Structure formats: structure tokens, C-alpha cells
């Protein structure tokens, strides 16, 4: 009787599967499609990978991981500066898909997706949007040194474009343009100060401190103040170089993985 009861329970479970197990089966199929997509992605078969990730999402719309992979697949097909329209299309698709990931959990924003969006906009030379997303990152993660660094990079790019390599264009800027550029320079320097408080050995940030102090010096008419800015720039550039070389030496000392060159 015990054996019959056991098989009866199994039979009842099997009969219930078509009703309650449909979603479970769909989720299994979704994860199978995800695994196939990951394999195709690692083999750089991006078109094939994208189809598998899209299928995974269709089977389980609540599954966030394939959306992230799909966005990354689009990003991998984007070549910054390429005249090929497909490259720009891939960047826009990647941005939208990362935004879809963020929409899935607004209360716990995925900072990595936000960083990817900021980076894509920067590579598309849409600096305003890139900076906007950097600020969104900082709202979600105030200690994100990379977002602070990216803001400074954009501020430097904007300033250099206006001032010229040697500052030859400064005299042609009107008062409003000068004020706006100096404000950008100060914003960048403030952002880097914050980034270095978070990561004191952030040599990339130091290198842009050097560049932004030189930008500020282009506007300075007082030679003493100008020379002091250049001295600060030289000092931080030397420190950044020393830290970069030390990091390279430490990386070289690490044991290499089998098969690595």
C-alpha cells in the first residue's frame, strides 16, 4: 500500500505539471538559450549570440542576465569613430538594452549598466549625455571614482577644444565663453579631488589633474600664479608616472596563467 501511495503521489504531480510547471519549463528553456548565447559570444559569433539572448528574454522576460549579455553583444559590435552605419546602430541598441536592464529594478540600479551607457555616449561624442549618466552613477554610488574621472575627462576635452593646444585661442573667447570654460575646468578639478580621496593611487586621475591645471594656466595673466599652476601640474604628472610604472612592475611580477604570452 505504501508503494501504491508513492506512485499515486508521483502521478498526481505529473498531472499537475502542464498546469503549474509551464513557467518552470519556460525558464529552463530560457537558461538553455542563455548558455548557448554565452558560448556563441565567447566564440565572437555575435549575431548568433544575440539571437539566443533574444530568445532567452522572450522565454523569460523577467530574466535580467540575458538582457545584460545582449547589451554587451551589441557593444562588442560597436567601433568608435567608424563610418559604418551598423556600428552606430549597435551602440544605440546597446544603450537602449542597458536602459531596459535598469528599468527592471529601479530601486536597485545596476551601476555597471550605467557606466556602460556613459562610456558609449562618450565614444559617440555625445558628451552632454555621457556627463548626465556619470551624475546618475554618482547618485546611485557617490564613491564611484570612475564616474568622477569621466566627468573630468569630458571637461578637459571641452576646454582643450576651446583653448587650443598652446592656449592660442583664449584671447578670442568672449567673457561668457571664458567663464563657462573656467567653470568646466574647476568642475573637473573638483571631481578629480574627490576621485583621489576615494582612490589615492588613481594615476589616471592624476594625469588629468596635470592636464586641467595646464588648461587653467592658459587663462592666467599673473605669471607667478601661472608658474605655480604649471609647477603643480609637473609634480602631479611625475607622481602619476611613478605610480603607473610601479603598477606595471607589480603586474609583471604576477605569475602568468598557462598559455598566456
Protein backbone atom coordinates (compact mmCIF):
# COMPACT_ATOMS: atom_id res chain seq x y z
CA UNK A 1 0.00 0.00 0.00
CA UNK A 2 2.88 2.32 0.75
CA UNK A 3 4.32 1.72 -2.74
CA UNK A 4 0.95 2.39 -4.39
CA UNK A 5 0.63 5.61 -2.40
CA UNK A 6 4.06 6.71 -3.58
CA UNK A 7 3.21 6.14 -7.26
CA UNK A 8 -0.14 7.86 -6.79
CA UNK A 9 1.65 10.93 -5.48
CA UNK A 10 4.02 10.87 -8.49
CA UNK A 11 1.08 10.51 -10.87
CA UNK A 12 -0.69 13.47 -9.30
CA UNK A 13 2.50 15.52 -9.63
CA UNK A 14 2.86 14.62 -13.32
CA UNK A 15 -0.76 15.54 -13.95
CA UNK A 16 -0.18 18.91 -12.35
CA UNK A 17 2.94 19.75 -14.42
CA UNK A 18 1.09 21.00 -17.54
CA UNK A 19 -0.82 23.42 -15.31
CA UNK A 20 1.79 24.65 -12.84
CA UNK A 21 5.07 23.63 -14.49
CA UNK A 22 4.73 25.54 -17.75
CA UNK A 23 6.52 28.57 -16.35
CA UNK A 24 9.26 26.36 -14.90
CA UNK A 25 9.85 24.71 -18.27
CA UNK A 26 9.93 28.11 -19.97
CA UNK A 27 12.55 29.29 -17.51
CA UNK A 28 14.65 26.18 -18.15
CA UNK A 29 14.46 26.79 -21.90
CA UNK A 30 15.36 30.44 -21.30
CA UNK A 31 18.51 29.43 -19.40
CA UNK A 32 19.42 26.92 -22.08
CA UNK A 33 19.20 29.69 -24.70
CA UNK A 34 21.33 31.89 -22.44
CA UNK A 35 24.04 29.22 -22.19
CA UNK A 36 24.06 28.78 -25.97
CA UNK A 37 24.31 32.54 -26.37
CA UNK A 38 27.26 32.75 -23.98
CA UNK A 39 29.08 30.04 -25.96
CA UNK A 40 28.46 31.89 -29.22
CA UNK A 41 29.58 35.16 -27.60
CA UNK A 42 32.88 33.66 -26.41
CA UNK A 43 33.42 32.42 -29.97
CA UNK A 44 32.76 36.01 -31.18
CA UNK A 45 29.72 34.87 -33.17
CA UNK A 46 27.84 37.99 -32.13
CA UNK A 47 24.87 37.72 -34.49
CA UNK A 48 24.23 34.16 -33.35
CA UNK A 49 24.71 35.11 -29.69
CA UNK A 50 22.23 38.00 -30.00
CA UNK A 51 19.53 35.67 -31.33
CA UNK A 52 19.99 33.26 -28.42
CA UNK A 53 19.87 36.10 -25.89
CA UNK A 54 16.73 37.50 -27.53
CA UNK A 55 15.17 34.02 -27.34
CA UNK A 56 16.12 33.76 -23.66
CA UNK A 57 14.43 37.09 -22.96
CA UNK A 58 11.32 36.07 -24.93
CA UNK A 59 11.01 32.87 -22.91
CA UNK A 60 11.51 34.65 -19.57
CA UNK A 61 11.04 38.44 -19.76
CA UNK A 62 11.87 38.77 -16.05
CA UNK A 63 15.36 37.28 -16.51
CA UNK A 64 17.84 40.17 -16.35
CA UNK A 65 21.08 38.34 -17.21
CA UNK A 66 20.37 37.77 -20.95
CA UNK A 67 19.50 41.46 -21.35
CA UNK A 68 22.90 42.40 -19.94
CA UNK A 69 24.59 39.90 -22.25
CA UNK A 70 22.59 41.18 -25.21
CA UNK A 71 23.65 44.77 -24.48
CA UNK A 72 27.28 43.62 -24.19
CA UNK A 73 26.95 41.76 -27.50
CA UNK A 74 25.77 44.95 -29.21
CA UNK A 75 28.61 46.90 -27.57
CA UNK A 76 31.14 44.40 -28.92
CA UNK A 77 29.97 45.24 -32.46
CA UNK A 78 30.39 48.98 -31.96
CA UNK A 79 33.58 50.50 -33.36
CA UNK A 80 34.06 54.11 -32.12
CA UNK A 81 34.60 56.53 -34.99
CA UNK A 82 33.60 54.00 -37.64
CA UNK A 83 31.71 55.44 -40.66
CA UNK A 84 29.74 52.18 -40.92
CA UNK A 85 26.07 52.93 -40.01
CA UNK A 86 25.79 49.46 -38.41
CA UNK A 87 28.39 50.44 -35.81
CA UNK A 88 26.32 53.41 -34.64
CA UNK A 89 23.17 51.26 -34.74
CA UNK A 90 24.85 48.71 -32.43
CA UNK A 91 25.80 51.48 -29.98
CA UNK A 92 22.23 52.78 -29.86
CA UNK A 93 20.85 49.25 -29.40
CA UNK A 94 23.34 48.65 -26.60
CA UNK A 95 22.31 51.88 -24.84
CA UNK A 96 18.62 51.02 -25.08
CA UNK A 97 19.18 47.46 -23.83
CA UNK A 98 21.24 48.66 -20.86
CA UNK A 99 18.40 51.08 -20.12
CA UNK A 100 15.97 48.15 -20.26
CA UNK A 101 18.12 46.42 -17.63
CA UNK A 102 17.87 49.49 -15.41
CA UNK A 103 14.10 49.65 -15.88
CA UNK A 104 13.77 46.13 -14.48
CA UNK A 105 14.87 47.22 -11.00
CA UNK A 106 14.62 50.97 -10.48
CA UNK A 107 15.10 50.67 -6.73
CA UNK A 108 18.47 48.94 -7.13
CA UNK A 109 20.08 50.44 -10.25
CA UNK A 110 22.78 48.36 -11.88
CA UNK A 111 25.78 50.71 -11.75
CA UNK A 112 27.72 48.64 -14.31
CA UNK A 113 24.94 49.23 -16.86
CA UNK A 114 25.04 52.96 -16.10
CA UNK A 115 28.82 53.04 -16.56
CA UNK A 116 28.43 51.26 -19.90
CA UNK A 117 25.85 53.84 -21.06
CA UNK A 118 28.10 56.74 -20.02
CA UNK A 119 31.03 55.13 -21.84
CA UNK A 120 29.02 54.52 -25.02
CA UNK A 121 27.78 58.11 -25.12
CA UNK A 122 31.35 59.32 -24.63
CA UNK A 123 32.58 57.19 -27.53
CA UNK A 124 29.69 58.52 -29.63
CA UNK A 125 30.99 62.02 -28.69
CA UNK A 126 27.71 62.89 -27.05
CA UNK A 127 29.48 64.43 -24.07
CA UNK A 128 26.43 66.03 -22.50
CA UNK A 129 24.64 62.69 -22.27
CA UNK A 130 27.80 60.99 -21.03
CA UNK A 131 28.17 63.54 -18.24
CA UNK A 132 24.46 63.23 -17.38
CA UNK A 133 24.87 59.48 -16.91
CA UNK A 134 28.02 59.99 -14.85
CA UNK A 135 25.97 62.13 -12.50
CA UNK A 136 23.30 59.42 -12.34
CA UNK A 137 26.02 56.94 -11.39
CA UNK A 138 27.11 59.23 -8.56
CA UNK A 139 23.53 59.47 -7.30
CA UNK A 140 23.46 55.68 -7.04
CA UNK A 141 27.08 55.32 -5.91
CA UNK A 142 28.65 58.54 -4.53
CA UNK A 143 32.02 56.79 -4.16
CA UNK A 144 32.30 55.80 -7.81
CA UNK A 145 35.74 57.19 -8.67
CA UNK A 146 35.42 56.24 -12.34
CA UNK A 147 32.34 58.42 -12.83
CA UNK A 148 34.16 61.37 -11.25
CA UNK A 149 37.14 60.72 -13.51
CA UNK A 150 34.96 60.56 -16.62
CA UNK A 151 33.40 63.94 -15.79
CA UNK A 152 36.90 65.43 -15.57
CA UNK A 153 37.91 63.88 -18.90
CA UNK A 154 34.89 65.45 -20.60
CA UNK A 155 35.64 68.82 -19.00
CA UNK A 156 39.23 68.65 -20.25
CA UNK A 157 38.14 67.68 -23.78
CA UNK A 158 35.71 70.61 -23.90
CA UNK A 159 38.30 73.04 -22.57
CA UNK A 160 41.08 71.96 -24.93
CA UNK A 161 38.74 72.27 -27.89
CA UNK A 162 38.13 75.93 -26.98
CA UNK A 163 41.60 76.99 -25.85
CA UNK A 164 43.83 75.26 -28.41
CA UNK A 165 46.94 73.16 -27.75
CA UNK A 166 49.05 76.12 -26.63
CA UNK A 167 46.20 78.31 -25.46
CA UNK A 168 46.30 80.26 -28.70
CA UNK A 169 42.51 80.60 -28.84
CA UNK A 170 41.98 82.00 -25.34
CA UNK A 171 42.27 85.62 -26.47
CA UNK A 172 39.47 85.08 -28.97
CA UNK A 173 36.98 83.76 -26.42
CA UNK A 174 34.36 86.21 -25.21
CA UNK A 175 33.76 86.73 -21.49
CA UNK A 176 30.88 84.23 -21.36
CA UNK A 177 32.92 81.53 -23.11
CA UNK A 178 35.85 82.14 -20.76
CA UNK A 179 33.63 81.91 -17.69
CA UNK A 180 32.00 78.71 -18.94
CA UNK A 181 35.35 77.09 -19.77
CA UNK A 182 36.88 78.03 -16.42
CA UNK A 183 33.80 76.61 -14.69
CA UNK A 184 34.28 73.33 -16.57
CA UNK A 185 37.96 73.25 -15.59
CA UNK A 186 37.08 73.79 -11.93
CA UNK A 187 34.35 71.15 -12.09
CA UNK A 188 36.89 68.69 -13.46
CA UNK A 189 39.49 69.50 -10.82
CA UNK A 190 36.90 69.18 -8.04
CA UNK A 191 35.76 65.82 -9.43
CA UNK A 192 39.36 64.58 -9.52
CA UNK A 193 39.99 65.72 -5.95
CA UNK A 194 37.01 63.59 -4.89
CA UNK A 195 38.17 60.64 -7.00
CA UNK A 196 41.63 60.74 -5.42
CA UNK A 197 40.15 60.79 -1.92
CA UNK A 198 38.40 57.56 -2.85
CA UNK A 199 41.39 56.07 -4.71
CA UNK A 200 44.65 57.78 -3.65
CA UNK A 201 46.69 55.78 -6.21
CA UNK A 202 44.41 56.60 -9.15
CA UNK A 203 47.18 57.66 -11.54
CA UNK A 204 44.80 58.21 -14.48
CA UNK A 205 43.03 60.86 -12.39
CA UNK A 206 46.38 62.46 -11.54
CA UNK A 207 47.29 62.67 -15.21
CA UNK A 208 44.11 64.62 -15.87
CA UNK A 209 44.80 66.85 -12.88
CA UNK A 210 48.03 67.72 -14.66
CA UNK A 211 46.15 68.48 -17.88
CA UNK A 212 43.42 70.54 -16.22
CA UNK A 213 45.90 72.64 -14.24
CA UNK A 214 47.62 73.41 -17.54
CA UNK A 215 44.26 74.40 -19.00
CA UNK A 216 43.68 76.72 -16.05
CA UNK A 217 47.14 78.22 -16.53
CA UNK A 218 46.24 79.25 -20.08
CA UNK A 219 43.81 81.82 -18.66
CA UNK A 220 46.16 83.18 -16.00
CA UNK A 221 47.75 86.59 -16.69
CA UNK A 222 49.71 86.73 -13.45
CA UNK A 223 53.00 84.98 -14.29
CA UNK A 224 53.66 83.99 -10.69
CA UNK A 225 50.26 82.28 -10.35
CA UNK A 226 50.63 80.73 -13.79
CA UNK A 227 54.05 79.27 -12.95
CA UNK A 228 52.68 77.84 -9.71
CA UNK A 229 49.89 76.08 -11.61
CA UNK A 230 52.43 74.65 -14.05
CA UNK A 231 54.64 73.55 -11.15
CA UNK A 232 51.68 71.72 -9.59
CA UNK A 233 50.95 70.13 -12.96
CA UNK A 234 54.56 68.92 -13.32
CA UNK A 235 54.61 67.48 -9.80
CA UNK A 236 51.39 65.53 -10.17
CA UNK A 237 52.46 64.30 -13.64
CA UNK A 238 55.66 62.89 -12.14
CA UNK A 239 53.73 61.23 -9.31
CA UNK A 240 51.26 59.71 -11.78
CA UNK A 241 54.11 58.34 -13.90
CA UNK A 242 55.81 56.80 -10.85
CA UNK A 243 52.56 55.13 -9.77
CA UNK A 244 51.88 53.85 -13.30
CA UNK A 245 55.37 52.34 -13.55
CA UNK A 246 55.01 50.73 -10.12
CA UNK A 247 51.66 49.23 -11.13
CA UNK A 248 53.21 47.85 -14.33
CA UNK A 249 56.10 46.32 -12.36
CA UNK A 250 53.70 44.67 -9.91
CA UNK A 251 51.61 43.32 -12.78
CA UNK A 252 54.75 41.89 -14.42
CA UNK A 253 55.65 40.04 -11.18
CA UNK A 254 52.33 38.20 -11.08
CA UNK A 255 52.52 34.54 -12.22
CA UNK A 256 51.21 34.15 -15.73
CA UNK A 257 48.41 31.73 -16.49
CA UNK A 258 49.19 28.66 -18.56
CA UNK A 259 49.06 29.51 -22.23
CA UNK A 260 49.39 33.27 -21.62
CA UNK A 261 52.11 35.08 -23.52
